[in-house]
Amino acid sequence: MVKLIRSKGVGIYFITQIPGDVPESVLSQLGLKIQHALRGFTAKDKKEISKAVENYPTTEFYNASNLIQNLGIGEAFVTALDEKGIPTPLVHTYLISPESRMDVLSDAEVTELTSSSAMVAKYEQAIDRESAYEMLTNRMEQAAQNPVPNQRTKPVKEEPGMFEQVLQSQAGRTFTNTLMREGAKAILGMFGLGGRRR
């Protein structure tokens, strides 16, 4: 028999009297498994026992299917994950009864727990830093007390577009003059005024 070492930890615990209540997809992800005695009175109970034994690592030290039905009060089969995440061999253990109480912690207990915490050095002293809200409020108050005098703003001159830039360029002016001259000739030609007399 191996004595189960007590440890402090946080986790999710699934507790049931029938192992079949926990879905296999969940059961396969559990790191610590503690199985108390199962009694096989019916054929269905015996199937549940066989399934429960199959969910534990195989062992050469125990006849798990027989021993699981003969575990006494405070006895259990236990397997856990080691430091490398490998399941430990199945072990027949005596469990230590819980050392706890359903009550509010006293002031002395709270002080003892908090003083031994590694977080005390970082979080014990309250620091009231200036918040963004306070910074913005101060700026608004300063702006209200010291108004900025109105300054004449020069009208923003719009930059010419690409078409206007082309027309204002030397090539654009030459093209425009040529177009106007040829257009005038064409109009005068329509009225018979543009041709030379022979």
Protein backbone atom coordinates (compact mmCIF):
# COMPACT_ATOMS: atom_id res chain seq x y z
CA MET A 1 0.00 0.00 0.00
CA VAL A 2 1.18 3.53 -0.82
CA LYS A 3 0.22 6.60 1.15
CA LEU A 4 -1.12 9.37 -1.07
CA ILE A 5 0.84 12.61 -0.61
CA ARG A 6 -1.24 15.69 0.06
CA SER A 7 -0.83 18.56 -2.37
CA LYS A 8 -2.34 21.98 -2.93
CA GLY A 9 -3.82 22.59 -6.33
CA VAL A 10 -6.65 24.02 -8.37
CA GLY A 11 -8.54 22.05 -10.94
CA ILE A 12 -11.83 20.65 -12.17
CA TYR A 13 -13.02 17.50 -10.45
CA PHE A 14 -15.55 15.02 -11.87
CA ILE A 15 -17.11 12.92 -9.14
CA THR A 16 -19.53 10.10 -9.91
CA GLN A 17 -20.60 6.73 -8.54
CA ILE A 18 -20.73 5.24 -12.01
CA PRO A 19 -17.64 5.75 -14.24
CA GLY A 20 -19.85 5.50 -17.33
CA ASP A 21 -21.43 8.85 -16.42
CA VAL A 22 -18.27 10.67 -17.56
CA PRO A 23 -17.98 10.75 -21.38
CA GLU A 24 -14.94 8.99 -22.82
CA SER A 25 -13.74 12.22 -24.49
CA VAL A 26 -13.54 13.82 -21.02
CA LEU A 27 -12.25 10.70 -19.27
CA SER A 28 -9.30 10.46 -21.67
CA GLN A 29 -8.14 13.98 -20.72
CA LEU A 30 -8.13 13.52 -16.93
CA GLY A 31 -4.70 13.73 -15.30
CA LEU A 32 -5.57 12.36 -11.86
CA LYS A 33 -7.92 9.40 -11.44
CA ILE A 34 -9.07 8.11 -8.06
CA GLN A 35 -11.32 5.07 -8.20
CA HIS A 36 -13.03 3.74 -5.07
CA ALA A 37 -14.67 0.34 -4.84
CA LEU A 38 -17.16 -0.71 -7.49
CA ARG A 39 -19.68 -3.43 -6.77
CA GLY A 40 -20.80 -5.76 -9.54
CA PHE A 41 -24.28 -6.99 -8.65
CA THR A 42 -25.75 -7.03 -12.15
CA ALA A 43 -24.45 -7.79 -15.64
CA LYS A 44 -24.51 -4.08 -16.42
CA ASP A 45 -22.46 -3.36 -13.27
CA LYS A 46 -19.86 -5.91 -14.37
CA LYS A 47 -19.57 -4.24 -17.78
CA GLU A 48 -19.03 -0.88 -16.06
CA ILE A 49 -16.30 -2.42 -13.90
CA SER A 50 -14.55 -3.84 -16.99
CA LYS A 51 -14.70 -0.42 -18.68
CA ALA A 52 -13.37 1.31 -15.56
CA VAL A 53 -10.40 -1.09 -15.35
CA GLU A 54 -9.63 -0.60 -19.06
CA ASN A 55 -9.37 3.16 -18.51
CA TYR A 56 -6.41 2.69 -16.13
CA PRO A 57 -2.81 1.88 -17.10
CA THR A 58 -2.16 -1.85 -17.26
CA THR A 59 -0.49 -3.28 -14.18
CA GLU A 60 1.36 -6.50 -13.40
CA PHE A 61 1.05 -6.03 -9.62
CA TYR A 62 -2.73 -6.19 -9.24
CA ASN A 63 -5.63 -8.16 -10.56
CA ALA A 64 -7.45 -4.87 -11.05
CA SER A 65 -10.85 -6.27 -12.03
CA ASN A 66 -11.05 -8.33 -8.78
CA LEU A 67 -9.37 -5.84 -6.44
CA ILE A 68 -11.54 -2.93 -7.56
CA GLN A 69 -14.59 -4.80 -6.23
CA ASN A 70 -12.93 -5.52 -2.88
CA LEU A 71 -11.59 -2.08 -1.96
CA GLY A 72 -12.59 -1.06 1.56
CA ILE A 73 -13.49 2.31 3.07
CA GLY A 74 -10.73 4.85 2.43
CA GLU A 75 -9.04 2.65 -0.18
CA ALA A 76 -8.77 3.53 -3.85
CA PHE A 77 -6.97 2.91 -7.09
CA VAL A 78 -4.97 6.01 -8.06
CA THR A 79 -3.06 7.09 -11.14
CA ALA A 80 -1.75 10.56 -11.96
CA LEU A 81 0.57 12.30 -14.41
CA ASP A 82 4.23 12.67 -13.49
CA GLU A 83 6.42 15.74 -14.17
CA LYS A 84 6.73 14.76 -17.85
CA GLY A 85 2.98 14.20 -18.27
CA ILE A 86 3.26 10.40 -18.35
CA PRO A 87 0.57 8.41 -16.46
CA THR A 88 1.96 6.77 -13.33
CA PRO A 89 1.36 3.06 -12.71
CA LEU A 90 -1.88 2.09 -11.02
CA VAL A 91 -1.48 2.08 -7.22
CA HIS A 92 -3.67 0.67 -4.46
CA THR A 93 -3.71 3.39 -1.79
CA TYR A 94 -5.17 4.45 1.53
CA LEU A 95 -6.51 7.98 1.28
CA ILE A 96 -6.04 10.58 4.01
CA SER A 97 -9.30 12.05 5.20
CA PRO A 98 -9.77 15.74 4.32
CA GLU A 99 -8.38 18.21 6.83
CA SER A 100 -10.84 21.00 6.21
CA ARG A 101 -13.89 22.66 7.67
CA MET A 102 -16.96 24.42 6.32
CA ASP A 103 -16.40 27.75 8.04
CA VAL A 104 -15.13 31.29 7.50
CA LEU A 105 -11.39 31.84 7.96
CA SER A 106 -10.43 33.76 11.06
CA ASP A 107 -8.43 37.02 10.82
CA ALA A 108 -5.30 35.23 12.04
CA GLU A 109 -5.67 32.57 9.33
CA VAL A 110 -6.19 35.18 6.62
CA THR A 111 -3.10 37.08 7.81
CA GLU A 112 -1.04 33.89 7.86
CA LEU A 113 -2.08 32.93 4.33
CA THR A 114 -1.57 36.39 2.84
CA SER A 115 1.76 37.04 4.55
CA SER A 116 3.23 33.83 3.13
CA SER A 117 2.08 34.65 -0.40
CA ALA A 118 4.65 35.65 -3.02
CA MET A 119 2.19 38.29 -4.27
CA VAL A 120 2.37 40.35 -1.08
CA ALA A 121 5.56 42.20 -2.07
CA LYS A 122 3.99 43.27 -5.35
CA TYR A 123 0.37 43.98 -4.41
CA GLU A 124 0.35 44.82 -0.68
CA GLN A 125 0.91 48.55 -1.16
CA ALA A 126 -1.93 50.36 -2.90
CA ILE A 127 -0.80 52.73 -5.68
CA ASP A 128 -3.30 55.32 -6.89
CA ARG A 129 -1.99 56.37 -10.28
CA GLU A 130 -3.56 59.18 -12.31
CA SER A 131 -6.16 57.71 -14.61
CA ALA A 132 -6.77 58.69 -18.24
CA TYR A 133 -10.11 60.19 -17.18
CA GLU A 134 -8.36 62.46 -14.66
CA MET A 135 -5.75 63.53 -17.23
CA LEU A 136 -8.40 64.46 -19.81
CA THR A 137 -10.48 66.30 -17.19
CA ASN A 138 -7.42 68.38 -16.18
CA ARG A 139 -6.70 69.26 -19.81
CA MET A 140 -10.32 70.34 -20.39
CA GLU A 141 -10.26 72.51 -17.27
CA GLN A 142 -6.97 74.16 -18.33
CA ALA A 143 -8.36 74.80 -21.82
CA ALA A 144 -11.48 76.43 -20.31
CA GLN A 145 -9.35 78.68 -18.06
CA ASN A 146 -6.88 79.68 -20.78
CA PRO A 147 -8.86 80.08 -24.02
CA VAL A 148 -6.78 80.36 -27.19
CA PRO A 149 -7.35 83.76 -28.98
CA ASN A 150 -9.02 83.60 -32.38
CA GLN A 151 -6.44 83.68 -35.14
CA ARG A 152 -7.24 84.62 -38.68
CA THR A 153 -6.83 81.64 -40.81
CA LYS A 154 -5.75 82.05 -44.38
CA PRO A 155 -8.08 80.43 -46.86
CA VAL A 156 -6.63 77.22 -48.06
CA LYS A 157 -5.80 77.48 -51.70
CA GLU A 158 -6.96 74.47 -53.58
CA GLU A 159 -4.32 72.82 -55.63
CA PRO A 160 -5.15 72.60 -59.33
CA GLY A 161 -6.26 69.26 -60.64
CA MET A 162 -4.39 67.22 -63.18
CA PHE A 163 -6.44 68.61 -66.12
CA GLU A 164 -5.77 72.19 -65.02
CA GLN A 165 -2.06 71.48 -64.59
CA VAL A 166 -1.91 70.10 -68.14
CA LEU A 167 -3.69 73.17 -69.54
CA GLN A 168 -1.34 75.55 -67.69
CA SER A 169 1.81 73.80 -68.92
CA GLN A 170 3.70 74.95 -72.08
CA ALA A 171 2.59 71.89 -74.02
CA GLY A 172 -0.99 72.40 -72.87
CA ARG A 173 -1.03 76.04 -73.98
CA THR A 174 0.44 75.12 -77.39
CA PHE A 175 -2.17 72.40 -77.82
CA THR A 176 -4.99 74.79 -76.80
CA ASN A 177 -3.82 77.52 -79.22
CA THR A 178 -3.51 75.01 -82.06
CA LEU A 179 -6.95 73.60 -81.30
CA MET A 180 -8.54 77.06 -81.26
CA ARG A 181 -6.81 78.12 -84.49
CA GLU A 182 -7.80 74.96 -86.35
CA GLY A 183 -11.30 75.13 -84.93
CA ALA A 184 -11.67 78.73 -86.11
CA LYS A 185 -10.47 77.76 -89.60
CA ALA A 186 -12.97 74.92 -89.71
CA ILE A 187 -15.86 77.21 -88.70
CA LEU A 188 -14.89 79.91 -91.19
CA GLY A 189 -14.48 77.27 -93.85
CA MET A 190 -18.08 76.17 -93.27
CA PHE A 191 -19.25 79.67 -94.12
CA GLY A 192 -16.92 79.93 -97.09
CA LEU A 193 -14.80 82.58 -95.46
CA GLY A 194 -11.72 80.64 -94.65
CA GLY A 195 -10.46 79.76 -98.19
CA ARG A 196 -8.02 81.85 -100.22
CA ARG A 197 -9.20 83.49 -103.41
CA ARG A 198 -7.46 82.52 -106.57
